Amino acid sequence: MTEAGLLVIGDVVTDVVAMHSMPVMSGTDTAADIVLRPGGSGANTASWAAHLGADVRLLARLGYDSSEWHTAELVKTGVRPHVSVDADHPTAVVIAMVDGTGERSMLTNRGAGGRISTDDWDPSLLDGVRRLHLSGYTLFTEPGLGLARLAMAEAAAAGVAISVDPASTGPLREFGVERFLRETSRADLIIPNLDEALVLTGVPTAERAAELLSEHYGHAVVKLGARGALSASGGRVTATVPGAPAEVVDSTGAGDAFAAGFLTASLNDADEGAALRAGCRAGAACVSLVGGRPRYGLDLKRLYPIHTD
């Protein structure tokens, strides 16, 4: 088999999405449209990448309450799940409150996902893989940090490229910026959003943040939401693209979809600009949907054509 596979290590989450047009009021009811969706940063990225045609496997830990549903949802999107089931803890749950602008606030219970560890690792997961992609959430618990260290060490030894998504500014600050940079130093690519890039570097602009991060990792891609994305290599900005048009319904998972579009295009040997544009198109498609996953039956290859020129 051609070694063009993608291995994602990350979280699977039960997303409870509450869309409300009025401010949430304390002590009373607020009308909302509420839906249940499969989610999780790692699982979202894996699902979008699989729909885009990548050969994707996902390493994750599920809970006793919903493991069959989540596994089936991953398989439907084309992901090859490698999951363990925690008999004592439920699957992670996020309550996402989405306002009229599409912006979201989240309440999170890490559940079983916070207990993924080296016990879940199998070196054969790297067979046929060109890139290992880590959700930053994996690093934010001690068992997950141990797994990340092991997976990155074995990937580096096998010549597999490594990328990391910092995941979220709150846990990132709590974990420690210097510690995060040190623990992920084996990666050759980081894919933060603007807020994460600024937290990691302490500088005021996306361009300078990308330059500094690329000096540390070799390559940095900064997601700018509706404004597009930019990339830097070896300390200088090398490509900038505008955002793709989108009707924003729910921003959940947009950054995960962008990462999937960028990584899938890169695995197909697209040039840097084309990979950034593929990421932007995937993110734009994601925000037009409720939840962080693609819908079944979407012709994503038509939506996100990959150009290698």
Protein backbone atom coordinates (compact mmCIF):
# COMPACT_ATOMS: atom_id res chain seq x y z
CA MET A 1 0.00 0.00 0.00
CA THR A 2 1.20 3.51 -0.81
CA GLU A 3 2.30 5.25 2.37
CA ALA A 4 -0.10 8.18 2.11
CA GLY A 5 -2.27 7.42 5.13
CA LEU A 6 -3.24 9.78 7.94
CA LEU A 7 -3.34 8.71 11.59
CA VAL A 8 -5.26 11.05 13.89
CA ILE A 9 -4.99 10.77 17.66
CA GLY A 10 -7.69 12.72 19.42
CA ASP A 11 -11.04 13.02 21.06
CA VAL A 12 -14.49 11.71 20.24
CA VAL A 13 -17.24 13.79 21.81
CA THR A 14 -21.01 13.77 22.09
CA ASP A 15 -21.93 17.32 21.05
CA VAL A 16 -25.14 18.82 22.39
CA VAL A 17 -25.63 21.89 20.19
CA ALA A 18 -28.07 24.55 21.42
CA MET A 19 -28.73 27.31 18.90
CA HIS A 20 -30.33 30.40 20.45
CA SER A 21 -31.15 33.81 18.99
CA MET A 22 -31.76 35.54 22.34
CA PRO A 23 -29.15 35.92 25.12
CA VAL A 24 -29.16 33.07 27.65
CA MET A 25 -30.91 34.39 30.76
CA SER A 26 -30.08 33.15 34.25
CA GLY A 27 -32.89 31.58 36.26
CA THR A 28 -35.38 31.16 33.41
CA ASP A 29 -35.95 29.43 30.07
CA THR A 30 -34.34 30.50 26.81
CA ALA A 31 -35.81 29.10 23.59
CA ALA A 32 -33.30 27.14 21.48
CA ASP A 33 -33.06 24.55 18.73
CA ILE A 34 -31.17 21.64 20.33
CA VAL A 35 -29.59 18.76 18.44
CA LEU A 36 -27.29 15.86 19.28
CA ARG A 37 -24.27 15.37 17.03
CA PRO A 38 -21.10 13.24 17.04
CA GLY A 39 -18.09 15.50 17.48
CA GLY A 40 -14.65 15.94 19.00
CA SER A 41 -11.71 17.77 17.45
CA GLY A 42 -9.78 14.65 16.48
CA ALA A 43 -12.84 12.76 15.26
CA ASN A 44 -14.05 15.78 13.26
CA THR A 45 -10.70 16.14 11.50
CA ALA A 46 -10.59 12.42 10.75
CA SER A 47 -14.15 12.43 9.41
CA TRP A 48 -13.68 15.42 7.09
CA ALA A 49 -10.38 14.00 5.83
CA ALA A 50 -11.98 10.63 5.09
CA HIS A 51 -14.81 12.29 3.18
CA LEU A 52 -12.21 14.18 1.19
CA GLY A 53 -10.72 10.87 0.12
CA ALA A 54 -7.86 10.39 2.59
CA ASP A 55 -6.98 6.98 4.02
CA VAL A 56 -7.66 7.82 7.68
CA ARG A 57 -7.50 5.94 10.93
CA LEU A 58 -8.43 7.41 14.31
CA LEU A 59 -7.08 6.39 17.70
CA ALA A 60 -9.47 7.37 20.49
CA ARG A 61 -11.14 6.22 23.71
CA LEU A 62 -14.92 6.00 24.00
CA GLY A 63 -17.21 5.60 26.98
CA TYR A 64 -19.58 2.83 27.98
CA ASP A 65 -22.68 4.91 27.20
CA SER A 66 -22.39 5.58 23.46
CA SER A 67 -19.46 3.66 22.00
CA GLU A 68 -21.51 1.75 19.42
CA TRP A 69 -23.16 4.92 18.09
CA HIS A 70 -19.88 6.79 17.82
CA THR A 71 -18.07 3.89 16.17
CA ALA A 72 -20.85 3.52 13.61
CA GLU A 73 -20.80 7.26 12.86
CA LEU A 74 -17.04 7.17 12.25
CA VAL A 75 -17.34 4.17 9.93
CA LYS A 76 -20.13 5.89 7.96
CA THR A 77 -17.81 8.81 7.22
CA GLY A 78 -15.07 6.47 5.97
CA VAL A 79 -12.79 6.56 9.02
CA ARG A 80 -11.12 3.38 10.24
CA PRO A 81 -11.62 3.68 14.01
CA HIS A 82 -9.17 2.15 16.46
CA VAL A 83 -11.00 2.70 19.71
CA SER A 84 -11.10 1.28 23.20
CA VAL A 85 -14.18 1.41 25.42
CA ASP A 86 -13.90 2.66 28.98
CA ALA A 87 -16.21 0.60 31.18
CA ASP A 88 -16.23 3.17 33.98
CA HIS A 89 -16.61 6.52 32.25
CA PRO A 90 -18.98 7.98 29.62
CA THR A 91 -17.84 9.36 26.30
CA ALA A 92 -16.77 12.99 26.48
CA VAL A 93 -19.64 15.49 26.26
CA VAL A 94 -19.64 19.12 25.09
CA ILE A 95 -22.63 21.41 25.39
CA ALA A 96 -22.14 24.04 22.69
CA MET A 97 -24.31 27.15 22.98
CA VAL A 98 -24.39 28.86 19.58
CA ASP A 99 -25.71 32.43 19.31
CA GLY A 100 -27.28 34.20 16.35
CA THR A 101 -23.89 35.06 14.84
CA GLY A 102 -22.72 31.43 14.84
CA GLU A 103 -20.28 32.03 17.70
CA ARG A 104 -20.18 29.32 20.34
CA SER A 105 -19.54 28.90 24.07
CA MET A 106 -18.83 25.46 25.44
CA LEU A 107 -19.26 23.41 28.59
CA THR A 108 -17.00 20.35 28.54
CA ASN A 109 -16.73 16.98 30.28
CA ARG A 110 -13.65 15.10 29.01
CA GLY A 111 -15.04 11.73 30.19
CA ALA A 112 -13.33 8.66 28.74
CA GLY A 113 -11.38 10.77 26.27
CA GLY A 114 -9.33 12.24 29.10
CA ARG A 115 -8.13 8.75 29.98
CA ILE A 116 -6.57 7.70 26.68
CA SER A 117 -3.04 6.48 27.40
CA THR A 118 -0.10 4.42 26.22
CA ASP A 119 -2.25 1.33 26.81
CA ASP A 120 -4.21 2.35 23.70
CA TRP A 121 -1.14 2.50 21.47
CA ASP A 122 -0.15 -0.11 18.88
CA PRO A 123 2.93 0.50 16.67
CA SER A 124 1.10 -1.08 13.73
CA LEU A 125 -1.11 2.02 13.61
CA LEU A 126 1.76 3.70 11.74
CA ASP A 127 1.80 1.10 8.94
CA GLY A 128 1.15 2.87 5.64
CA VAL A 129 0.95 6.27 7.33
CA ARG A 130 2.67 9.37 5.98
CA ARG A 131 1.44 11.77 8.67
CA LEU A 132 0.50 11.56 12.35
CA HIS A 133 -1.86 14.36 13.41
CA LEU A 134 -2.38 15.10 17.11
CA SER A 135 -5.25 17.00 18.65
CA GLY A 136 -3.81 19.20 21.40
CA TYR A 137 -6.51 18.00 23.77
CA THR A 138 -4.63 14.69 23.95
CA LEU A 139 -1.71 16.37 25.69
CA PHE A 140 -3.76 18.10 28.37
CA THR A 141 -4.04 15.06 30.66
CA GLU A 142 -1.10 13.08 32.00
CA PRO A 143 -2.17 9.73 30.46
CA GLY A 144 -2.74 11.41 27.10
CA LEU A 145 0.57 13.24 27.30
CA GLY A 146 2.33 9.92 27.78
CA LEU A 147 0.57 8.55 24.69
CA ALA A 148 1.49 11.64 22.66
CA ARG A 149 5.15 11.31 23.63
CA LEU A 150 5.22 7.64 22.66
CA ALA A 151 3.36 8.11 19.38
CA MET A 152 5.52 11.05 18.32
CA ALA A 153 8.73 9.23 19.21
CA GLU A 154 7.76 6.15 17.19
CA ALA A 155 6.49 8.26 14.29
CA ALA A 156 9.74 10.23 14.18
CA ALA A 157 11.77 7.02 14.27
CA ALA A 158 9.72 5.66 11.38
CA GLY A 159 10.11 8.82 9.30
CA VAL A 160 6.42 9.74 9.63
CA ALA A 161 5.67 13.48 9.56
CA ILE A 162 3.93 14.92 12.62
CA SER A 163 1.43 17.77 12.89
CA VAL A 164 -0.37 19.20 15.89
CA ASP A 165 -3.46 21.33 16.45
CA PRO A 166 -3.20 23.30 19.72
CA ALA A 167 -6.95 22.81 20.29
CA SER A 168 -8.04 25.64 22.63
CA THR A 169 -6.53 28.69 24.33
CA GLY A 170 -7.87 27.97 27.82
CA PRO A 171 -6.36 24.50 28.27
CA LEU A 172 -3.26 25.68 26.38
CA ARG A 173 -2.61 28.45 28.91
CA GLU A 174 -3.27 26.07 31.78
CA PHE A 175 -0.88 23.48 30.34
CA GLY A 176 1.78 26.14 29.75
CA VAL A 177 2.99 27.63 26.49
CA GLU A 178 6.66 26.75 26.93
CA ARG A 179 5.74 23.25 28.01
CA PHE A 180 3.49 22.80 24.96
CA LEU A 181 6.21 23.98 22.60
CA ARG A 182 8.70 21.64 24.24
CA GLU A 183 6.40 18.59 24.27
CA THR A 184 5.46 19.02 20.60
CA SER A 185 8.93 19.84 19.31
CA ARG A 186 9.02 16.64 17.21
CA ALA A 187 6.23 18.04 15.01
CA ASP A 188 7.14 19.61 11.67
CA LEU A 189 3.77 21.41 11.30
CA ILE A 190 1.45 23.29 13.66
CA ILE A 191 -2.07 24.39 12.70
CA PRO A 192 -3.40 26.92 15.25
CA ASN A 193 -6.19 29.42 14.90
CA LEU A 194 -5.32 33.09 15.33
CA ASP A 195 -5.97 33.22 19.09
CA GLU A 196 -3.89 30.10 19.69
CA ALA A 197 -1.06 31.41 17.52
CA LEU A 198 -0.95 34.68 19.47
CA VAL A 199 -1.00 32.85 22.82
CA LEU A 200 1.85 30.58 21.71
CA THR A 201 4.05 33.46 20.56
CA GLY A 202 3.01 36.54 22.52
CA VAL A 203 3.10 38.72 19.39
CA PRO A 204 0.24 40.91 18.07
CA THR A 205 -0.12 39.75 14.44
CA ALA A 206 -0.90 36.53 12.62
CA GLU A 207 2.01 37.03 10.22
CA ARG A 208 4.63 37.41 12.94
CA ALA A 209 3.13 34.54 14.94
CA ALA A 210 3.31 32.28 11.89
CA GLU A 211 6.92 33.28 11.29
CA LEU A 212 7.94 32.51 14.88
CA LEU A 213 6.06 29.21 14.98
CA SER A 214 7.63 28.16 11.68
CA GLU A 215 11.06 28.81 13.15
CA HIS A 216 10.22 26.36 15.94
CA TYR A 217 8.38 23.68 13.94
CA GLY A 218 9.57 24.26 10.38
CA HIS A 219 6.09 24.98 9.04
CA ALA A 220 3.08 26.81 10.52
CA VAL A 221 -0.42 27.34 9.16
CA VAL A 222 -2.58 29.92 10.93
CA LYS A 223 -6.35 29.74 10.51
CA LEU A 224 -8.00 33.15 10.23
CA GLY A 225 -11.65 32.12 10.05
CA ALA A 226 -13.64 34.06 7.47
CA ARG A 227 -10.47 35.98 6.52
CA GLY A 228 -8.77 32.84 5.21
CA ALA A 229 -5.41 31.43 6.26
CA LEU A 230 -1.68 31.92 5.91
CA SER A 231 1.36 29.71 6.13
CA ALA A 232 5.01 30.22 6.96
CA SER A 233 8.14 28.12 6.54
CA GLY A 234 11.57 28.63 8.04
CA GLY A 235 10.70 31.98 9.58
CA ARG A 236 8.91 33.72 6.70
CA VAL A 237 5.34 33.88 5.39
CA THR A 238 5.13 31.85 2.19
CA ALA A 239 1.42 31.87 1.26
CA THR A 240 -1.77 33.73 2.12
CA VAL A 241 -5.28 32.94 0.86
CA PRO A 242 -8.67 34.62 1.43
CA GLY A 243 -11.57 32.87 3.06
CA ALA A 244 -14.15 30.92 1.07
CA PRO A 245 -17.71 32.32 0.94
CA ALA A 246 -19.95 30.77 3.58
CA GLU A 247 -23.35 31.14 5.19
CA VAL A 248 -22.50 30.73 8.87
CA VAL A 249 -24.91 28.53 10.82
CA ASP A 250 -22.61 26.99 13.44
CA SER A 251 -18.85 27.44 13.79
CA THR A 252 -18.39 24.14 15.65
CA GLY A 253 -15.62 22.09 14.04
CA ALA A 254 -14.62 24.67 11.42
CA GLY A 255 -10.96 24.58 12.42
CA ASP A 256 -11.00 20.79 12.43
CA ALA A 257 -12.46 20.76 8.92
CA PHE A 258 -9.81 23.26 7.77
CA ALA A 259 -7.06 20.99 9.12
CA ALA A 260 -8.60 18.04 7.28
CA GLY A 261 -8.78 19.93 4.00
CA PHE A 262 -5.22 21.18 4.30
CA LEU A 263 -3.76 17.82 5.35
CA THR A 264 -5.66 15.84 2.71
CA ALA A 265 -4.54 18.18 -0.06
CA SER A 266 -0.96 18.01 1.21
CA LEU A 267 -1.07 14.21 1.25
CA ASN A 268 -2.12 14.44 -2.40
CA ASP A 269 0.98 16.56 -3.06
CA ALA A 270 -0.92 19.83 -3.59
CA ASP A 271 1.18 22.97 -3.42
CA GLU A 272 0.96 25.22 -0.38
CA GLY A 273 -1.57 27.67 -1.79
CA ALA A 274 -3.83 24.90 -3.05
CA ALA A 275 -3.69 23.15 0.33
CA LEU A 276 -4.63 26.38 2.13
CA ARG A 277 -7.55 26.92 -0.25
CA ALA A 278 -8.73 23.34 0.29
CA GLY A 279 -8.66 23.98 4.02
CA CYS A 280 -10.68 27.18 3.66
CA ARG A 281 -13.30 25.46 1.51
CA ALA A 282 -13.67 22.65 4.03
CA GLY A 283 -14.03 25.15 6.88
CA ALA A 284 -16.64 27.11 4.92
CA ALA A 285 -18.64 23.96 4.26
CA CYS A 286 -18.49 23.05 7.93
CA VAL A 287 -19.87 26.36 9.22
CA SER A 288 -22.90 25.98 6.95
CA LEU A 289 -23.93 22.86 8.90
CA VAL A 290 -25.03 22.21 12.49
CA GLY A 291 -22.29 20.27 14.25
CA GLY A 292 -18.69 19.57 13.32
CA ARG A 293 -19.02 16.68 10.86
CA PRO A 294 -19.88 16.43 7.16
CA ARG A 295 -23.32 15.11 6.28
CA TYR A 296 -23.61 11.75 4.56
CA GLY A 297 -23.85 11.93 0.81
CA LEU A 298 -22.10 15.28 0.39
CA ASP A 299 -19.99 15.31 -2.77
CA LEU A 300 -16.97 16.78 -1.01
CA LYS A 301 -14.56 16.03 -3.85
CA ARG A 302 -16.70 18.30 -6.01
CA LEU A 303 -16.80 20.94 -3.27
CA TYR A 304 -13.06 20.73 -2.58
CA PRO A 305 -11.21 19.82 -5.77
CA ILE A 306 -7.52 19.20 -5.05
CA HIS A 307 -5.06 20.77 -7.46
CA THR A 308 -1.45 19.65 -7.46
CA ASP A 309 -0.15 22.36 -9.81
